[in-house]
PDB file of N, CA and C in Angstrom:
ATOM      1  N   MET A   1     -71.623 -93.573 120.519  1.00  0.00           N
ATOM      2  CA  MET A   1     -73.044 -94.359 120.832  1.00  0.00           C
ATOM      3  C   MET A   1     -73.823 -93.185 120.009  1.00  0.00           C
ATOM      4  N   ILE A   2     -75.260 -93.717 119.685  1.00  0.00           N
ATOM      5  CA  ILE A   2     -76.165 -93.021 119.186  1.00  0.00           C
ATOM      6  C   ILE A   2     -76.842 -92.063 120.369  1.00  0.00           C
ATOM      7  N   GLU A   3     -76.910 -91.238 119.615  1.00  0.00           N
ATOM      8  CA  GLU A   3     -77.541 -89.659 120.755  1.00  0.00           C
ATOM      9  C   GLU A   3     -79.204 -90.059 119.976  1.00  0.00           C
ATOM     10  N   ILE A   4     -79.915 -90.064 121.262  1.00  0.00           N
ATOM     11  CA  ILE A   4     -81.593 -89.738 120.897  1.00  0.00           C
ATOM     12  C   ILE A   4     -82.143 -88.312 121.446  1.00  0.00           C
ATOM     13  N   ASP A   5     -82.675 -87.936 120.499  1.00  0.00           N
ATOM     14  CA  ASP A   5     -83.373 -86.444 120.722  1.00  0.00           C
ATOM     15  C   ASP A   5     -85.019 -86.723 120.812  1.00  0.00           C
ATOM     16  N   PRO A   6     -85.036 -86.631 122.091  1.00  0.00           N
ATOM     17  CA  PRO A   6     -86.566 -86.483 122.423  1.00  0.00           C
ATOM     18  C   PRO A   6     -87.623 -85.942 121.549  1.00  0.00           C
ATOM     19  N   THR A   7     -87.021 -84.622 121.843  1.00  0.00           N
ATOM     20  CA  THR A   7     -87.838 -83.585 120.850  1.00  0.00           C
ATOM     21  C   THR A   7     -88.294 -83.992 119.144  1.00  0.00           C
ATOM     22  N   THR A   8     -87.505 -84.771 118.834  1.00  0.00           N
ATOM     23  CA  THR A   8     -87.364 -85.076 117.406  1.00  0.00           C
ATOM     24  C   THR A   8     -88.075 -85.774 117.161  1.00  0.00           C
ATOM     25  N   LEU A   9     -87.633 -87.059 118.092  1.00  0.00           N
ATOM     26  CA  LEU A   9     -88.916 -88.171 117.985  1.00  0.00           C
ATOM     27  C   LEU A   9     -90.322 -87.735 118.166  1.00  0.00           C
ATOM     28  N   GLY A  10     -90.553 -86.686 119.140  1.00  0.00           N
ATOM     29  CA  GLY A  10     -91.935 -86.729 119.521  1.00  0.00           C
ATOM     30  C   GLY A  10     -92.358 -85.819 118.080  1.00  0.00           C
ATOM     31  N   LEU A  11     -91.510 -84.989 117.557  1.00  0.00           N
ATOM     32  CA  LEU A  11     -92.249 -83.842 116.139  1.00  0.00           C
ATOM     33  C   LEU A  11     -92.434 -85.308 115.203  1.00  0.00           C
ATOM     34  N   GLU A  12     -91.650 -85.893 115.000  1.00  0.00           N
ATOM     35  CA  GLU A  12     -92.081 -86.804 113.842  1.00  0.00           C
ATOM     36  C   GLU A  12     -92.961 -88.126 114.218  1.00  0.00           C
ATOM     37  N   PHE A  13     -93.043 -88.249 115.128  1.00  0.00           N
ATOM     38  CA  PHE A  13     -93.852 -89.323 115.629  1.00  0.00           C
ATOM     39  C   PHE A  13     -95.780 -88.253 115.412  1.00  0.00           C
ATOM     40  N   GLY A  14     -95.539 -86.934 116.120  1.00  0.00           N
ATOM     41  CA  GLY A  14     -96.695 -85.987 115.913  1.00  0.00           C
ATOM     42  C   GLY A  14     -97.225 -85.960 114.671  1.00  0.00           C
ATOM     43  N   SER A  15     -96.173 -85.307 113.664  1.00  0.00           N
ATOM     44  CA  SER A  15     -96.169 -85.031 112.214  1.00  0.00           C
ATOM     45  C   SER A  15     -96.868 -86.296 111.505  1.00  0.00           C
ATOM     46  N   GLY A  16     -96.510 -87.642 111.583  1.00  0.00           N
ATOM     47  CA  GLY A  16     -96.664 -88.704 111.082  1.00  0.00           C
ATOM     48  C   GLY A  16     -97.862 -88.944 111.524  1.00  0.00           C
ATOM     49  N   ALA A  17     -98.457 -88.857 112.760  1.00  0.00           N
ATOM     50  CA  ALA A  17    -100.067 -88.908 112.909  1.00  0.00           C
ATOM     51  C   ALA A  17    -100.834 -88.085 112.767  1.00  0.00           C
ATOM     52  N   VAL A  18    -100.652 -86.953 112.524  1.00  0.00           N
ATOM     53  CA  VAL A  18    -101.244 -85.869 111.879  1.00  0.00           C
ATOM     54  C   VAL A  18    -101.606 -86.373 110.201  1.00  0.00           C
ATOM     55  N   ILE A  19    -100.396 -86.471 109.419  1.00  0.00           N
ATOM     56  CA  ILE A  19    -100.584 -86.792 108.318  1.00  0.00           C
ATOM     57  C   ILE A  19    -101.626 -88.307 108.128  1.00  0.00           C
ATOM     58  N   GLY A  20    -101.103 -89.328 109.054  1.00  0.00           N
ATOM     59  CA  GLY A  20    -101.843 -90.184 108.925  1.00  0.00           C
ATOM     60  C   GLY A  20    -103.323 -90.286 109.252  1.00  0.00           C
ATOM     61  N   GLY A  21    -103.736 -89.588 110.323  1.00  0.00           N
ATOM     62  CA  GLY A  21    -105.234 -89.332 110.468  1.00  0.00           C
ATOM     63  C   GLY A  21    -105.758 -88.466 109.349  1.00  0.00           C
ATOM     64  N   LEU A  22    -105.110 -87.400 108.385  1.00  0.00           N
ATOM     65  CA  LEU A  22    -105.593 -87.175 107.249  1.00  0.00           C
ATOM     66  C   LEU A  22    -106.074 -88.429 106.297  1.00  0.00           C
ATOM     67  N   ILE A  23    -104.905 -88.899 106.009  1.00  0.00           N
ATOM     68  CA  ILE A  23    -105.070 -89.952 105.272  1.00  0.00           C
ATOM     69  C   ILE A  23    -106.228 -90.912 105.581  1.00  0.00           C
ATOM     70  N   GLY A  24    -106.074 -91.220 106.904  1.00  0.00           N
ATOM     71  CA  GLY A  24    -107.221 -92.168 106.938  1.00  0.00           C
ATOM     72  C   GLY A  24    -108.351 -91.463 107.053  1.00  0.00           C
ATOM     73  N   PHE A  25    -108.793 -90.721 107.276  1.00  0.00           N
ATOM     74  CA  PHE A  25    -109.912 -90.019 106.822  1.00  0.00           C
ATOM     75  C   PHE A  25    -110.607 -89.987 105.425  1.00  0.00           C
ATOM     76  N   ALA A  26    -109.202 -89.602 104.848  1.00  0.00           N
ATOM     77  CA  ALA A  26    -110.115 -89.033 103.322  1.00  0.00           C
ATOM     78  C   ALA A  26    -110.376 -91.073 102.506  1.00  0.00           C
ATOM     79  N   ALA A  27    -109.151 -91.924 103.417  1.00  0.00           N
ATOM     80  CA  ALA A  27    -109.731 -93.258 102.798  1.00  0.00           C
ATOM     81  C   ALA A  27    -110.904 -93.688 103.083  1.00  0.00           C
ATOM     82  N   LYS A  28    -110.937 -93.574 104.158  1.00  0.00           N
ATOM     83  CA  LYS A  28    -112.408 -93.667 104.593  1.00  0.00           C
ATOM     84  C   LYS A  28    -113.743 -93.283 103.770  1.00  0.00           C
ATOM     85  N   LYS A  29    -113.816 -92.179 103.305  1.00  0.00           N
ATOM     86  CA  LYS A  29    -114.721 -91.188 102.636  1.00  0.00           C
ATOM     87  C   LYS A  29    -114.403 -91.848 100.730  1.00  0.00           C
ATOM     88  N   VAL A  30    -113.266 -92.143 100.898  1.00  0.00           N
ATOM     89  CA  VAL A  30    -113.521 -92.391  99.429  1.00  0.00           C
ATOM     90  C   VAL A  30    -113.281 -94.197  99.605  1.00  0.00           C
ATOM     91  N   ALA A  31    -113.455 -94.888 100.247  1.00  0.00           N
ATOM     92  CA  ALA A  31    -113.865 -96.219 100.062  1.00  0.00           C
ATOM     93  C   ALA A  31    -115.319 -96.603 100.261  1.00  0.00           C
ATOM     94  N   LYS A  32    -116.200 -95.333 100.987  1.00  0.00           N
ATOM     95  CA  LYS A  32    -117.792 -95.338 101.282  1.00  0.00           C
ATOM     96  C   LYS A  32    -118.140 -95.055  99.648  1.00  0.00           C
ATOM     97  N   LEU A  33    -117.436 -94.048  98.931  1.00  0.00           N
ATOM     98  CA  LEU A  33    -117.987 -93.514  97.848  1.00  0.00           C
ATOM     99  C   LEU A  33    -117.973 -94.868  96.865  1.00  0.00           C
ATOM    100  N   VAL A  34    -116.608 -95.400  96.679  1.00  0.00           N
ATOM    101  CA  VAL A  34    -116.531 -96.447  96.265  1.00  0.00           C
ATOM    102  C   VAL A  34    -117.715 -97.641  96.393  1.00  0.00           C
ATOM    103  N   ALA A  35    -118.101 -97.611  97.380  1.00  0.00           N
ATOM    104  CA  ALA A  35    -118.774 -98.800  97.897  1.00  0.00           C
ATOM    105  C   ALA A  35    -120.534 -98.435  97.303  1.00  0.00           C
ATOM    106  N   VAL A  36    -120.803 -97.042  97.176  1.00  0.00           N
ATOM    107  CA  VAL A  36    -121.741 -96.770  96.915  1.00  0.00           C
ATOM    108  C   VAL A  36    -121.728 -96.391  95.186  1.00  0.00           C
ATOM    109  N   ILE A  37    -120.787 -96.164  94.555  1.00  0.00           N
ATOM    110  CA  ILE A  37    -120.973 -96.531  93.213  1.00  0.00           C
ATOM    111  C   ILE A  37    -120.725 -98.025  92.791  1.00  0.00           C
ATOM    112  N   ILE A  38    -120.293 -98.811  93.709  1.00  0.00           N
ATOM    113  CA  ILE A  38    -120.401-100.474  92.948  1.00  0.00           C
ATOM    114  C   ILE A  38    -121.608-100.956  92.860  1.00  0.00           C
ATOM    115  N   GLY A  39    -122.702-100.185  94.275  1.00  0.00           N
ATOM    116  CA  GLY A  39    -123.667-100.622  94.814  1.00  0.00           C
ATOM    117  C   GLY A  39    -124.928-100.129  93.832  1.00  0.00           C
ATOM    118  N   VAL A  40    -124.886 -98.767  93.382  1.00  0.00           N
ATOM    119  CA  VAL A  40    -125.964 -98.567  92.059  1.00  0.00           C
ATOM    120  C   VAL A  40    -125.594 -99.150  90.913  1.00  0.00           C
ATOM    121  N   GLN A  41    -123.913 -99.607  90.771  1.00  0.00           N
ATOM    122  CA  GLN A  41    -123.618-100.152  89.301  1.00  0.00           C
ATOM    123  C   GLN A  41    -124.616-101.580  89.217  1.00  0.00           C
ATOM    124  N   LEU A  42    -124.890-101.932  90.477  1.00  0.00           N
ATOM    125  CA  LEU A  42    -125.068-103.587  90.212  1.00  0.00           C
ATOM    126  C   LEU A  42    -126.423-103.442  90.188  1.00  0.00           C
ATOM    127  N   VAL A  43    -127.185-102.495  90.912  1.00  0.00           N
ATOM    128  CA  VAL A  43    -128.548-102.313  91.208  1.00  0.00           C
ATOM    129  C   VAL A  43    -128.877-101.660  88.991  1.00  0.00           C
ATOM    130  N   ILE A  44    -128.339-100.846  88.568  1.00  0.00           N
ATOM    131  CA  ILE A  44    -128.096-100.821  87.250  1.00  0.00           C
ATOM    132  C   ILE A  44    -128.666-101.729  86.581  1.00  0.00           C
ATOM    133  N   PHE A  45    -127.003-102.852  86.612  1.00  0.00           N
ATOM    134  CA  PHE A  45    -127.081-104.030  85.779  1.00  0.00           C
ATOM    135  C   PHE A  45    -128.421-104.884  85.992  1.00  0.00           C
ATOM    136  N   ARG A  46    -128.736-105.017  87.346  1.00  0.00           N
ATOM    137  CA  ARG A  46    -129.663-105.603  87.520  1.00  0.00           C
ATOM    138  C   ARG A  46    -131.682-105.598  87.017  1.00  0.00           C
ATOM    139  N   TYR A  47    -131.530-103.954  87.321  1.00  0.00           N
ATOM    140  CA  TYR A  47    -132.502-103.151  85.906  1.00  0.00           C
ATOM    141  C   TYR A  47    -132.965-103.846  84.769  1.00  0.00           C
ATOM    142  N   LEU A  48    -131.614-103.463  84.201  1.00  0.00           N
ATOM    143  CA  LEU A  48    -131.242-103.708  82.386  1.00  0.00           C
ATOM    144  C   LEU A  48    -131.521-105.069  82.452  1.00  0.00           C
ATOM    145  N   GLU A  49    -130.933-106.149  83.168  1.00  0.00           N
ATOM    146  CA  GLU A  49    -131.085-107.339  83.273  1.00  0.00           C
ATOM    147  C   GLU A  49    -132.741-107.693  83.073  1.00  0.00           C
ATOM    148  N   THR A  50    -133.542-107.373  83.990  1.00  0.00           N
ATOM    149  CA  THR A  50    -134.901-107.416  84.364  1.00  0.00           C
ATOM    150  C   THR A  50    -135.502-107.058  82.854  1.00  0.00           C
ATOM    151  N   ARG A  51    -135.414-106.030  81.899  1.00  0.00           N
ATOM    152  CA  ARG A  51    -135.453-105.804  81.318  1.00  0.00           C
ATOM    153  C   ARG A  51    -135.209-106.148  79.977  1.00  0.00           C
ATOM    154  N   GLU A  52    -134.169-106.703  80.028  1.00  0.00           N
ATOM    155  CA  GLU A  52    -133.673-107.496  78.966  1.00  0.00           C
ATOM    156  C   GLU A  52    -133.071-106.749  78.015  1.00  0.00           C
ATOM    157  N   ILE A  53    -132.578-106.101  78.227  1.00  0.00           N
ATOM    158  CA  ILE A  53    -131.283-104.783  77.640  1.00  0.00           C
ATOM    159  C   ILE A  53    -129.818-105.392  77.806  1.00  0.00           C
ATOM    160  N   ILE A  54    -129.444-105.942  78.886  1.00  0.00           N
ATOM    161  CA  ILE A  54    -128.127-106.629  78.567  1.00  0.00           C
ATOM    162  C   ILE A  54    -128.329-108.084  79.241  1.00  0.00           C
ATOM    163  N   MET A  55    -127.262-109.133  79.245  1.00  0.00           N
ATOM    164  CA  MET A  55    -126.854-109.985  79.595  1.00  0.00           C
ATOM    165  C   MET A  55    -126.104-110.032  80.883  1.00  0.00           C
ATOM    166  N   VAL A  56    -126.135-110.534  82.220  1.00  0.00           N
ATOM    167  CA  VAL A  56    -124.928-109.735  83.196  1.00  0.00           C
ATOM    168  C   VAL A  56    -124.365-111.684  82.885  1.00  0.00           C
ATOM    169  N   ASP A  57    -123.653-111.939  83.520  1.00  0.00           N
ATOM    170  CA  ASP A  57    -122.940-113.129  83.655  1.00  0.00           C
ATOM    171  C   ASP A  57    -122.788-112.915  85.163  1.00  0.00           C
ATOM    172  N   TRP A  58    -123.246-113.210  85.895  1.00  0.00           N
ATOM    173  CA  TRP A  58    -123.118-113.141  87.382  1.00  0.00           C
ATOM    174  C   TRP A  58    -122.414-114.179  87.986  1.00  0.00           C
ATOM    175  N   ASP A  59    -122.186-115.195  87.563  1.00  0.00           N
ATOM    176  CA  ASP A  59    -121.249-116.659  87.846  1.00  0.00           C
ATOM    177  C   ASP A  59    -119.391-115.445  87.377  1.00  0.00           C
ATOM    178  N   ALA A  60    -119.465-115.191  86.211  1.00  0.00           N
ATOM    179  CA  ALA A  60    -117.972-114.467  86.125  1.00  0.00           C
ATOM    180  C   ALA A  60    -117.596-113.373  86.678  1.00  0.00           C
ATOM    181  N   LEU A  61    -118.782-112.563  87.118  1.00  0.00           N
ATOM    182  CA  LEU A  61    -118.629-111.632  87.813  1.00  0.00           C
ATOM    183  C   LEU A  61    -118.298-112.000  89.401  1.00  0.00           C
ATOM    184  N   THR A  62    -119.245-112.753  89.471  1.00  0.00           N
ATOM    185  CA  THR A  62    -118.527-113.277  91.368  1.00  0.00           C
ATOM    186  C   THR A  62    -116.867-114.149  91.425  1.00  0.00           C
ATOM    187  N   ARG A  63    -116.645-114.675  90.524  1.00  0.00           N
ATOM    188  CA  ARG A  63    -115.596-115.497  89.751  1.00  0.00           C
ATOM    189  C   ARG A  63    -114.193-114.414  90.165  1.00  0.00           C
ATOM    190  N   GLY A  64    -114.442-113.320  89.397  1.00  0.00           N
ATOM    191  CA  GLY A  64    -113.602-112.154  89.489  1.00  0.00           C
ATOM    192  C   GLY A  64    -113.335-111.368  90.232  1.00  0.00           C
ATOM    193  N   LEU A  65    -114.300-111.675  91.363  1.00  0.00           N
ATOM    194  CA  LEU A  65    -114.515-110.681  92.526  1.00  0.00           C
ATOM    195  C   LEU A  65    -113.929-111.468  93.517  1.00  0.00           C
ATOM    196  N   VAL A  66    -113.720-112.766  93.596  1.00  0.00           N
ATOM    197  CA  VAL A  66    -113.216-113.626  94.581  1.00  0.00           C
ATOM    198  C   VAL A  66    -112.099-113.570  94.228  1.00  0.00           C
ATOM    199  N   ALA A  67    -111.260-113.724  93.127  1.00  0.00           N
ATOM    200  CA  ALA A  67    -109.550-113.793  92.448  1.00  0.00           C
ATOM    201  C   ALA A  67    -109.355-112.200  92.742  1.00  0.00           C
ATOM    202  N   SER A  68    -110.206-111.267  93.166  1.00  0.00           N
ATOM    203  CA  SER A  68    -109.640-110.271  93.482  1.00  0.00           C
ATOM    204  C   SER A  68    -109.289-109.924  94.812  1.00  0.00           C
ATOM    205  N   SER A  69    -110.061-110.555  95.721  1.00  0.00           N
ATOM    206  CA  SER A  69    -109.927-110.634  96.789  1.00  0.00           C
ATOM    207  C   SER A  69    -108.572-111.432  97.634  1.00  0.00           C
ATOM    208  N   GLU A  70    -108.426-112.756  96.782  1.00  0.00           N
ATOM    209  CA  GLU A  70    -107.521-113.735  97.385  1.00  0.00           C
ATOM    210  C   GLU A  70    -106.256-112.677  96.682  1.00  0.00           C
ATOM    211  N   GLN A  71    -106.073-111.968  95.620  1.00  0.00           N
ATOM    212  CA  GLN A  71    -105.024-111.360  95.715  1.00  0.00           C
ATOM    213  C   GLN A  71    -104.528-110.303  96.401  1.00  0.00           C
ATOM    214  N   ALA A  72    -105.727-109.340  96.703  1.00  0.00           N
ATOM    215  CA  ALA A  72    -105.411-108.273  97.800  1.00  0.00           C
ATOM    216  C   ALA A  72    -105.061-108.933  99.414  1.00  0.00           C
ATOM    217  N   GLY A  73    -104.857-110.382  99.833  1.00  0.00           N
ATOM    218  CA  GLY A  73    -104.336-110.993 100.889  1.00  0.00           C
ATOM    219  C   GLY A  73    -103.201-110.913 100.741  1.00  0.00           C
ATOM    220  N   SER A  74    -102.479-110.941  99.783  1.00  0.00           N
ATOM    221  CA  SER A  74    -100.836-111.411  99.825  1.00  0.00           C
ATOM    222  C   SER A  74    -100.004-109.606  99.950  1.00  0.00           C
ATOM    223  N   SER A  75    -100.763-109.073 100.570  1.00  0.00           N
ATOM    224  CA  SER A  75     -99.893-107.650 100.782  1.00  0.00           C
ATOM    225  C   SER A  75    -100.140-107.663 102.119  1.00  0.00           C
ATOM    226  N   ALA A  76     -99.885-108.885 103.097  1.00  0.00           N
ATOM    227  CA  ALA A  76    -100.021-108.924 104.528  1.00  0.00           C
ATOM    228  C   ALA A  76     -98.456-108.149 104.779  1.00  0.00           C
ATOM    229  N   SER A  77     -97.321-108.587 103.584  1.00  0.00           N
ATOM    230  CA  SER A  77     -96.003-108.708 104.348  1.00  0.00           C
ATOM    231  C   SER A  77     -95.886-107.190 104.161  1.00  0.00           C
ATOM    232  N   TYR A  78     -96.235-106.528 103.537  1.00  0.00           N
ATOM    233  CA  TYR A  78     -96.025-105.045 103.332  1.00  0.00           C
ATOM    234  C   TYR A  78     -96.452-104.414 104.322  1.00  0.00           C
ATOM    235  N   LEU A  79     -97.834-104.847 104.700  1.00  0.00           N
ATOM    236  CA  LEU A  79     -97.926-103.989 105.847  1.00  0.00           C
ATOM    237  C   LEU A  79     -97.569-104.018 107.095  1.00  0.00           C
ATOM    238  N   GLU A  80     -97.103-105.747 107.688  1.00  0.00           N
ATOM    239  CA  GLU A  80     -95.977-105.900 108.936  1.00  0.00           C
ATOM    240  C   GLU A  80     -94.299-105.240 108.897  1.00  0.00           C
ATOM    241  N   SER A  81     -94.127-104.446 107.474  1.00  0.00           N
ATOM    242  CA  SER A  81     -92.926-104.043 107.085  1.00  0.00           C
ATOM    243  C   SER A  81     -92.988-102.483 107.519  1.00  0.00           C
ATOM    244  N   PHE A  82     -94.343-102.192 107.140  1.00  0.00           N
ATOM    245  CA  PHE A  82     -94.780-100.710 107.306  1.00  0.00           C
ATOM    246  C   PHE A  82     -94.732-100.653 108.954  1.00  0.00           C
ATOM    247  N   ILE A  83     -95.567-101.330 109.552  1.00  0.00           N
ATOM    248  CA  ILE A  83     -95.780-101.229 111.312  1.00  0.00           C
ATOM    249  C   ILE A  83     -94.322-101.556 111.885  1.00  0.00           C
ATOM    250  N   SER A  84     -93.297-101.989 111.380  1.00  0.00           N
ATOM    251  CA  SER A  84     -92.251-101.945 112.351  1.00  0.00           C
ATOM    252  C   SER A  84     -91.219-100.756 112.095  1.00  0.00           C
ATOM    253  N   MET A  85     -91.968 -99.904 111.242  1.00  0.00           N
ATOM    254  CA  MET A  85     -90.803 -99.030 110.996  1.00  0.00           C
ATOM    255  C   MET A  85     -91.066 -98.048 112.303  1.00  0.00           C
ATOM    256  N   LEU A  86     -89.966 -97.093 112.701  1.00  0.00           N
ATOM    257  CA  LEU A  86     -89.595 -95.926 114.013  1.00  0.00           C
ATOM    258  C   LEU A  86     -90.703 -95.504 114.290  1.00  0.00           C
ATOM    259  N   SER A  87     -90.545 -93.984 114.762  1.00  0.00           N
ATOM    260  CA  SER A  87     -90.739 -92.841 115.399  1.00  0.00           C
ATOM    261  C   SER A  87     -92.333 -92.409 114.065  1.00  0.00           C
ATOM    262  N   VAL A  88     -91.980 -92.643 112.355  1.00  0.00           N
ATOM    263  CA  VAL A  88     -92.971 -91.783 111.829  1.00  0.00           C
ATOM    264  C   VAL A  88     -93.857 -92.684 111.689  1.00  0.00           C
ATOM    265  N   GLY A  89     -93.541 -93.975 111.656  1.00  0.00           N
ATOM    266  CA  GLY A  89     -94.241 -95.070 110.972  1.00  0.00           C
ATOM    267  C   GLY A  89     -95.281 -95.329 112.103  1.00  0.00           C
ATOM    268  N   ALA A  90     -95.089 -95.226 113.565  1.00  0.00           N
ATOM    269  CA  ALA A  90     -95.706 -95.611 114.392  1.00  0.00           C
ATOM    270  C   ALA A  90     -97.124 -94.390 114.228  1.00  0.00           C
ATOM    271  N   GLY A  91     -96.640 -93.114 114.379  1.00  0.00           N
ATOM    272  CA  GLY A  91     -97.342 -92.033 114.375  1.00  0.00           C
ATOM    273  C   GLY A  91     -98.590 -91.588 113.518  1.00  0.00           C
ATOM    274  N   PHE A  92     -97.891 -92.564 112.230  1.00  0.00           N
ATOM    275  CA  PHE A  92     -98.935 -92.540 110.693  1.00  0.00           C
ATOM    276  C   PHE A  92     -99.823 -93.613 111.221  1.00  0.00           C
ATOM    277  N   THR A  93     -99.292 -94.887 111.780  1.00  0.00           N
ATOM    278  CA  THR A  93    -100.388 -95.554 111.909  1.00  0.00           C
ATOM    279  C   THR A  93    -101.448 -95.411 112.394  1.00  0.00           C
ATOM    280  N   THR A  94    -100.785 -95.031 113.664  1.00  0.00           N
ATOM    281  CA  THR A  94    -102.010 -94.378 114.749  1.00  0.00           C
ATOM    282  C   THR A  94    -103.096 -93.480 114.526  1.00  0.00           C
ATOM    283  N   GLY A  95    -102.563 -92.249 113.575  1.00  0.00           N
ATOM    284  CA  GLY A  95    -102.989 -91.303 112.950  1.00  0.00           C
ATOM    285  C   GLY A  95    -103.731 -91.788 112.012  1.00  0.00           C
ATOM    286  N   PHE A  96    -103.433 -92.898 111.341  1.00  0.00           N
ATOM    287  CA  PHE A  96    -104.479 -93.239 109.877  1.00  0.00           C
ATOM    288  C   PHE A  96    -105.550 -94.251 110.563  1.00  0.00           C
ATOM    289  N   LEU A  97    -105.310 -94.919 111.491  1.00  0.00           N
ATOM    290  CA  LEU A  97    -106.454 -95.771 112.242  1.00  0.00           C
ATOM    291  C   LEU A  97    -107.353 -95.072 112.815  1.00  0.00           C
ATOM    292  N   ILE A  98    -106.956 -93.849 113.659  1.00  0.00           N
ATOM    293  CA  ILE A  98    -107.776 -93.041 114.267  1.00  0.00           C
ATOM    294  C   ILE A  98    -108.677 -91.905 113.357  1.00  0.00           C
ATOM    295  N   GLY A  99    -108.339 -91.693 112.140  1.00  0.00           N
ATOM    296  CA  GLY A  99    -108.915 -91.068 111.351  1.00  0.00           C
ATOM    297  C   GLY A  99    -110.149 -92.122 110.620  1.00  0.00           C
ATOM    298  N   PHE A 100    -109.046 -93.024 110.131  1.00  0.00           N
ATOM    299  CA  PHE A 100    -110.081 -93.645 109.592  1.00  0.00           C
ATOM    300  C   PHE A 100    -111.410 -94.066 110.448  1.00  0.00           C
ATOM    301  N   HIS A 101    -110.897 -94.391 111.653  1.00  0.00           N
ATOM    302  CA  HIS A 101    -112.376 -94.724 112.254  1.00  0.00           C
ATOM    303  C   HIS A 101    -113.076 -93.870 112.735  1.00  0.00           C
ATOM    304  N   ARG A 102    -112.649 -92.429 112.687  1.00  0.00           N
ATOM    305  CA  ARG A 102    -113.718 -90.986 112.849  1.00  0.00           C
ATOM    306  C   ARG A 102    -114.493 -90.341 111.849  1.00  0.00           C
ATOM    307  N   GLY A 103    -113.713 -90.860 110.119  1.00  0.00           N
ATOM    308  CA  GLY A 103    -113.930 -90.893 109.167  1.00  0.00           C
ATOM    309  C   GLY A 103    -115.525 -91.412 108.862  1.00  0.00           C
TER     310      GLY A 103
END
């Protein structure tokens, strides 16, 4: 028979939740920083284009962004396998989502 120690499971879940919360909080902060950097870059490109200093091919840029988002959608199977983990995975996922939401 398999012996299950509730204390060990609780510690694994709790430590996973704390680590997940910290990583989720940091991930949201990094995502905000990246969004600001991309926004500033697009504003600078637009300004330089109006001054005719550079020429930006907006159609090619849009096609590249659409292709990147389509590739990012294929990672759903990794997420499903990650969530199906036992106590550490469940704790990490819960903590990550709470940290990301609070961040």
